Amino acid sequence: MGSREDEALAQAAVAALTRQLELAPKPGLPDPRDLGARVTRQDHCALRWSAKALAPGFAAMAAAARRSGAPTPELRAELGDIGRASEHSVALAGGGHRGATWVLGLLVAAAAMDPRARGRELAAIAKKIAAHPDRRAPRRPSRGSSVSAKYGAAGARGEARAGFPHVRRALDALSRTRSSGALEPNARLDALLTVMSTLQDTELLYTAGPHGLRHVQAGARAVLEAGGTSTDAGREALTALDADLHARAWSPRGSGSLLAGALFADSLPLVGTPSPAA
């Protein structure tokens, strides 16, 4: 059993993933409207349930990082082992969340390693962990890595090794929209669209190719340029983008995972963790 701090970080990561799932309308992504998996083929209730199966893995990652105290190759290998075991548990619980396991796992480990880290500092620690190769990873290439190689996209690994720039952009978008007086769901939707507007999402590249990726990025930018989801024009553009992506069956899953990472980072500090002044 991990420490109280490790358990708190794990529960915060699951809560961030759950908040991402609850947000609606999310263009091309599962949300509460998909109770019967009518559109995205991913049942929303099943995804919420399987998210809970990640908690023990996240707690184990936090404990490993706390024991290590440094972003070593050994820690990277241990996190990889825990992540693969967690994905197996999630598959038994209904599946999903592979990208979020990677994003949140690294950020949870970073937060455990330095409880005072926030925002960009947290991403910088995660970057140092991700810089090491996963020595025990399967030799066969993943779909994401194959797409990254084909199109020259950063992919999930590249995003982490760059210090999660889209998590940082999402955090900036959350702060900017909140400061305008908008409601919290609008701030989170604007953060999601900010990620979608520039991310080279390998899932989209796989299903829609470069043209489809640019189409989605342009649609996300159109919502933001219309004033964001808290304005009438922005909501109208969001509705159009949502209908378009559902009709095409295009899903920007990478953006959803990175939003979950931003929501986790945004939730710090947690009760029971030291503050920067401690």
Protein backbone atom coordinates (compact mmCIF):
# COMPACT_ATOMS: atom_id res chain seq x y z
CA MET A 1 0.00 0.00 0.00
CA GLY A 2 1.39 3.36 -0.96
CA SER A 3 1.64 6.42 1.23
CA ARG A 4 -1.20 8.86 1.69
CA GLU A 5 0.52 11.26 -0.71
CA ASP A 6 0.83 8.60 -3.41
CA GLU A 7 -2.82 7.66 -3.05
CA ALA A 8 -3.83 11.34 -3.19
CA LEU A 9 -1.90 11.85 -6.44
CA ALA A 10 -3.47 8.73 -7.93
CA GLN A 11 -6.97 9.84 -7.04
CA ALA A 12 -6.26 13.32 -8.42
CA ALA A 13 -5.17 11.77 -11.73
CA VAL A 14 -8.32 9.65 -11.94
CA ALA A 15 -10.42 12.70 -11.04
CA ALA A 16 -8.76 14.71 -13.84
CA LEU A 17 -9.50 11.96 -16.33
CA THR A 18 -13.09 11.77 -15.10
CA ARG A 19 -13.53 15.54 -15.42
CA GLN A 20 -12.28 15.32 -19.00
CA LEU A 21 -14.81 12.56 -19.72
CA GLU A 22 -17.67 14.56 -18.17
CA LEU A 23 -17.02 17.63 -20.30
CA ALA A 24 -19.48 18.20 -23.16
CA PRO A 25 -19.80 18.76 -26.00
CA LYS A 26 -16.33 17.49 -26.95
CA PRO A 27 -15.95 17.31 -30.73
CA GLY A 28 -15.22 13.73 -31.78
CA LEU A 29 -14.58 12.56 -28.21
CA PRO A 30 -16.69 10.47 -25.81
CA ASP A 31 -18.85 12.53 -23.47
CA PRO A 32 -22.04 11.99 -21.44
CA ARG A 33 -24.14 12.02 -24.63
CA ASP A 34 -22.54 8.70 -25.61
CA LEU A 35 -24.18 6.54 -22.95
CA GLY A 36 -24.85 3.86 -25.53
CA ALA A 37 -21.68 4.42 -27.56
CA ARG A 38 -23.89 5.57 -30.42
CA VAL A 39 -21.33 7.86 -31.99
CA THR A 40 -17.78 7.35 -30.74
CA ARG A 41 -18.07 3.58 -30.21
CA GLN A 42 -16.73 4.18 -26.70
CA ASP A 43 -19.40 3.88 -24.03
CA HIS A 44 -19.07 6.82 -21.66
CA CYS A 45 -20.12 4.89 -18.54
CA ALA A 46 -17.63 2.12 -19.34
CA LEU A 47 -14.85 4.68 -19.80
CA ARG A 48 -15.61 6.26 -16.41
CA TRP A 49 -15.56 2.83 -14.80
CA SER A 50 -12.31 1.76 -16.44
CA ALA A 51 -10.65 5.06 -15.43
CA LYS A 52 -10.93 3.94 -11.81
CA ALA A 53 -8.85 0.87 -12.65
CA LEU A 54 -5.87 3.18 -13.21
CA ALA A 55 -5.71 4.33 -9.57
CA PRO A 56 -3.48 1.49 -8.26
CA GLY A 57 -1.07 1.96 -11.16
CA PHE A 58 -0.84 5.71 -10.65
CA ALA A 59 -0.19 5.18 -6.93
CA ALA A 60 2.56 2.69 -7.77
CA MET A 61 4.12 5.18 -10.20
CA ALA A 62 4.06 7.88 -7.53
CA ALA A 63 5.67 5.54 -5.00
CA ALA A 64 8.38 4.54 -7.49
CA ALA A 65 9.20 8.17 -8.26
CA ARG A 66 9.23 9.10 -4.58
CA ARG A 67 11.66 6.25 -3.83
CA SER A 68 13.89 7.16 -6.76
CA GLY A 69 14.02 10.88 -6.10
CA ALA A 70 15.60 11.45 -9.52
CA PRO A 71 14.60 10.97 -13.19
CA THR A 72 16.85 7.96 -13.77
CA PRO A 73 16.78 5.32 -16.53
CA GLU A 74 15.81 2.79 -13.86
CA LEU A 75 12.77 4.85 -12.89
CA ARG A 76 11.73 5.18 -16.54
CA ALA A 77 11.90 1.40 -16.96
CA GLU A 78 9.88 0.83 -13.77
CA LEU A 79 7.21 3.31 -14.85
CA GLY A 80 6.98 1.52 -18.19
CA ASP A 81 6.41 -1.81 -16.45
CA ILE A 82 3.72 -0.30 -14.20
CA GLY A 83 2.07 1.41 -17.15
CA ARG A 84 1.80 -1.80 -19.14
CA ALA A 85 0.34 -3.64 -16.15
CA SER A 86 -2.14 -0.78 -15.68
CA GLU A 87 -3.20 -0.97 -19.32
CA HIS A 88 -3.92 -4.67 -18.81
CA SER A 89 -6.10 -3.87 -15.78
CA VAL A 90 -7.94 -1.19 -17.74
CA ALA A 91 -8.51 -3.63 -20.62
CA LEU A 92 -10.15 -6.05 -18.19
CA ALA A 93 -12.34 -3.19 -16.89
CA GLY A 94 -13.53 -2.16 -20.34
CA GLY A 95 -10.57 -0.57 -22.09
CA GLY A 96 -9.59 2.93 -23.16
CA HIS A 97 -7.25 5.57 -21.71
CA ARG A 98 -3.97 4.35 -23.18
CA GLY A 99 -2.79 7.84 -24.05
CA ALA A 100 -3.97 9.22 -20.73
CA THR A 101 -2.05 6.51 -18.87
CA TRP A 102 1.17 7.79 -20.47
CA VAL A 103 0.46 11.49 -19.94
CA LEU A 104 -0.92 11.24 -16.40
CA GLY A 105 1.59 8.60 -15.33
CA LEU A 106 4.55 10.83 -16.13
CA LEU A 107 2.94 13.86 -14.48
CA VAL A 108 2.01 11.86 -11.37
CA ALA A 109 5.61 10.63 -11.14
CA ALA A 110 6.88 14.20 -11.54
CA ALA A 111 4.54 15.47 -8.81
CA ALA A 112 5.66 12.70 -6.45
CA MET A 113 9.32 13.44 -7.14
CA ASP A 114 8.89 17.14 -6.34
CA PRO A 115 5.67 17.97 -4.44
CA ARG A 116 6.44 21.69 -4.84
CA ALA A 117 6.46 21.57 -8.64
CA ARG A 118 3.62 23.29 -10.47
CA GLY A 119 2.73 23.84 -14.12
CA ARG A 120 5.85 24.29 -16.22
CA GLU A 121 8.11 22.93 -13.47
CA LEU A 122 6.03 19.75 -13.35
CA ALA A 123 6.25 19.37 -17.12
CA ALA A 124 10.02 19.91 -17.00
CA ILE A 125 10.46 17.05 -14.52
CA ALA A 126 8.27 14.79 -16.64
CA LYS A 127 10.45 15.72 -19.63
CA LYS A 128 13.57 14.50 -17.81
CA ILE A 129 11.91 11.18 -17.01
CA ALA A 130 10.68 10.71 -20.58
CA ALA A 131 14.13 11.49 -22.01
CA HIS A 132 15.26 7.98 -21.12
CA PRO A 133 14.30 5.04 -23.35
CA ASP A 134 11.99 2.39 -21.94
CA ARG A 135 14.46 -0.48 -22.00
CA ARG A 136 11.83 -3.14 -21.36
CA ALA A 137 9.25 -1.90 -23.85
CA PRO A 138 7.99 -4.41 -26.45
CA ARG A 139 10.04 -4.43 -29.64
CA ARG A 140 7.04 -4.23 -31.94
CA PRO A 141 6.14 -0.66 -32.97
CA SER A 142 2.87 0.78 -31.72
CA ARG A 143 0.31 2.35 -34.05
CA GLY A 144 1.21 5.76 -32.68
CA SER A 145 4.94 5.29 -33.24
CA SER A 146 4.33 4.00 -36.77
CA VAL A 147 2.20 7.03 -37.61
CA SER A 148 4.79 9.35 -36.04
CA ALA A 149 7.51 7.83 -38.20
CA LYS A 150 5.38 8.03 -41.35
CA TYR A 151 4.34 11.68 -40.99
CA GLY A 152 7.10 13.12 -38.83
CA ALA A 153 4.68 13.92 -36.01
CA ALA A 154 5.96 14.21 -32.45
CA GLY A 155 3.45 11.72 -31.08
CA ALA A 156 2.96 10.94 -27.41
CA ARG A 157 6.65 10.28 -26.76
CA GLY A 158 7.72 13.43 -28.54
CA GLU A 159 5.17 15.47 -26.62
CA ALA A 160 6.58 14.19 -23.31
CA ARG A 161 10.20 14.63 -24.37
CA ALA A 162 9.42 18.25 -25.29
CA GLY A 163 8.05 18.88 -21.80
CA PHE A 164 4.36 18.57 -22.68
CA PRO A 165 4.00 21.88 -24.55
CA HIS A 166 0.29 21.24 -25.13
CA VAL A 167 -0.34 20.63 -21.44
CA ARG A 168 1.28 24.00 -20.81
CA ARG A 169 -0.85 25.64 -23.50
CA ALA A 170 -3.97 24.12 -22.01
CA LEU A 171 -3.02 25.48 -18.58
CA ASP A 172 -2.55 28.95 -20.09
CA ALA A 173 -5.94 28.67 -21.80
CA LEU A 174 -7.63 27.65 -18.53
CA SER A 175 -6.17 30.68 -16.78
CA ARG A 176 -7.01 33.06 -19.62
CA THR A 177 -10.65 31.97 -19.96
CA ARG A 178 -11.22 31.93 -16.20
CA SER A 179 -9.82 35.46 -15.90
CA SER A 180 -12.43 36.60 -18.43
CA GLY A 181 -15.19 35.54 -16.04
CA ALA A 182 -16.32 32.51 -18.07
CA LEU A 183 -17.75 29.42 -16.42
CA GLU A 184 -15.43 26.50 -15.63
CA PRO A 185 -16.83 24.16 -18.34
CA ASN A 186 -16.12 26.86 -20.93
CA ALA A 187 -12.58 27.26 -19.64
CA ARG A 188 -12.00 23.51 -20.00
CA LEU A 189 -13.54 23.38 -23.46
CA ASP A 190 -11.42 26.33 -24.59
CA ALA A 191 -8.35 24.52 -23.22
CA LEU A 192 -9.28 21.39 -25.20
CA LEU A 193 -9.74 23.40 -28.39
CA THR A 194 -6.42 25.16 -27.82
CA VAL A 195 -4.73 21.76 -27.80
CA MET A 196 -6.72 20.56 -30.83
CA SER A 197 -5.81 23.67 -32.81
CA THR A 198 -2.08 22.81 -32.99
CA LEU A 199 -1.51 19.21 -31.83
CA GLN A 200 -0.25 16.72 -34.44
CA ASP A 201 -2.66 14.10 -33.16
CA THR A 202 -1.45 10.68 -34.32
CA GLU A 203 -4.93 9.18 -33.94
CA LEU A 204 -6.28 11.74 -36.41
CA LEU A 205 -3.35 11.20 -38.73
CA TYR A 206 -4.06 7.47 -38.69
CA THR A 207 -7.78 7.79 -39.43
CA ALA A 208 -7.92 10.98 -41.51
CA GLY A 209 -4.41 11.69 -42.80
CA PRO A 210 -2.69 15.10 -42.90
CA HIS A 211 -5.65 16.75 -44.66
CA GLY A 212 -8.03 15.57 -41.97
CA LEU A 213 -5.69 16.74 -39.21
CA ARG A 214 -5.50 20.22 -40.74
CA HIS A 215 -9.29 20.25 -41.10
CA VAL A 216 -9.75 19.54 -37.38
CA GLN A 217 -7.10 22.06 -36.37
CA ALA A 218 -8.81 24.72 -38.47
CA GLY A 219 -12.19 23.90 -36.94
CA ALA A 220 -10.80 24.26 -33.43
CA ARG A 221 -9.17 27.58 -34.31
CA ALA A 222 -12.47 28.80 -35.72
CA VAL A 223 -14.16 28.30 -32.36
CA LEU A 224 -11.42 30.16 -30.52
CA GLU A 225 -11.30 32.97 -33.08
CA ALA A 226 -15.07 33.39 -32.70
CA GLY A 227 -14.49 34.24 -29.05
CA GLY A 228 -14.38 30.78 -27.48
CA THR A 229 -17.13 28.58 -26.13
CA SER A 230 -18.50 31.23 -23.76
CA THR A 231 -19.74 33.38 -26.68
CA ASP A 232 -22.74 32.80 -28.94
CA ALA A 233 -20.57 32.75 -32.06
CA GLY A 234 -18.09 30.39 -30.44
CA ARG A 235 -20.81 27.98 -29.32
CA GLU A 236 -22.25 27.98 -32.82
CA ALA A 237 -18.83 27.13 -34.26
CA LEU A 238 -18.36 24.42 -31.61
CA THR A 239 -21.71 22.84 -32.49
CA ALA A 240 -20.74 22.78 -36.16
CA LEU A 241 -17.34 21.23 -35.42
CA ASP A 242 -18.91 18.66 -33.11
CA ALA A 243 -21.44 17.58 -35.75
CA ASP A 244 -18.75 17.48 -38.43
CA LEU A 245 -16.35 15.25 -36.48
CA HIS A 246 -19.09 12.87 -35.36
CA ALA A 247 -20.32 12.55 -38.94
CA ARG A 248 -16.79 11.77 -40.14
CA ALA A 249 -16.04 9.47 -37.14
CA TRP A 250 -12.80 11.38 -36.49
CA SER A 251 -11.59 11.38 -32.89
CA PRO A 252 -8.82 13.69 -31.57
CA ARG A 253 -8.02 11.33 -28.69
CA GLY A 254 -4.55 12.75 -28.12
CA SER A 255 -6.07 16.12 -27.30
CA GLY A 256 -8.38 14.55 -24.72
CA SER A 257 -5.46 12.85 -22.96
CA LEU A 258 -3.46 16.07 -22.83
CA LEU A 259 -6.44 17.99 -21.44
CA ALA A 260 -6.65 15.39 -18.66
CA GLY A 261 -2.96 16.02 -17.96
CA ALA A 262 -3.58 19.75 -17.75
CA LEU A 263 -6.53 19.25 -15.40
CA PHE A 264 -4.33 17.11 -13.16
CA ALA A 265 -1.57 19.72 -13.09
CA ASP A 266 -4.20 22.39 -12.46
CA SER A 267 -5.50 20.48 -9.42
CA LEU A 268 -2.18 20.79 -7.55
CA PRO A 269 -1.41 21.43 -4.72
CA LEU A 270 -3.33 18.60 -3.10
CA VAL A 271 -4.45 18.31 0.50
CA GLY A 272 -1.71 16.57 2.39
CA THR A 273 1.16 17.62 0.12
CA PRO A 274 3.69 20.24 1.16
CA SER A 275 3.19 23.76 -0.14
CA PRO A 276 6.01 25.71 -1.79
CA ALA A 277 6.42 27.70 1.45
CA ALA A 278 6.66 24.61 3.64
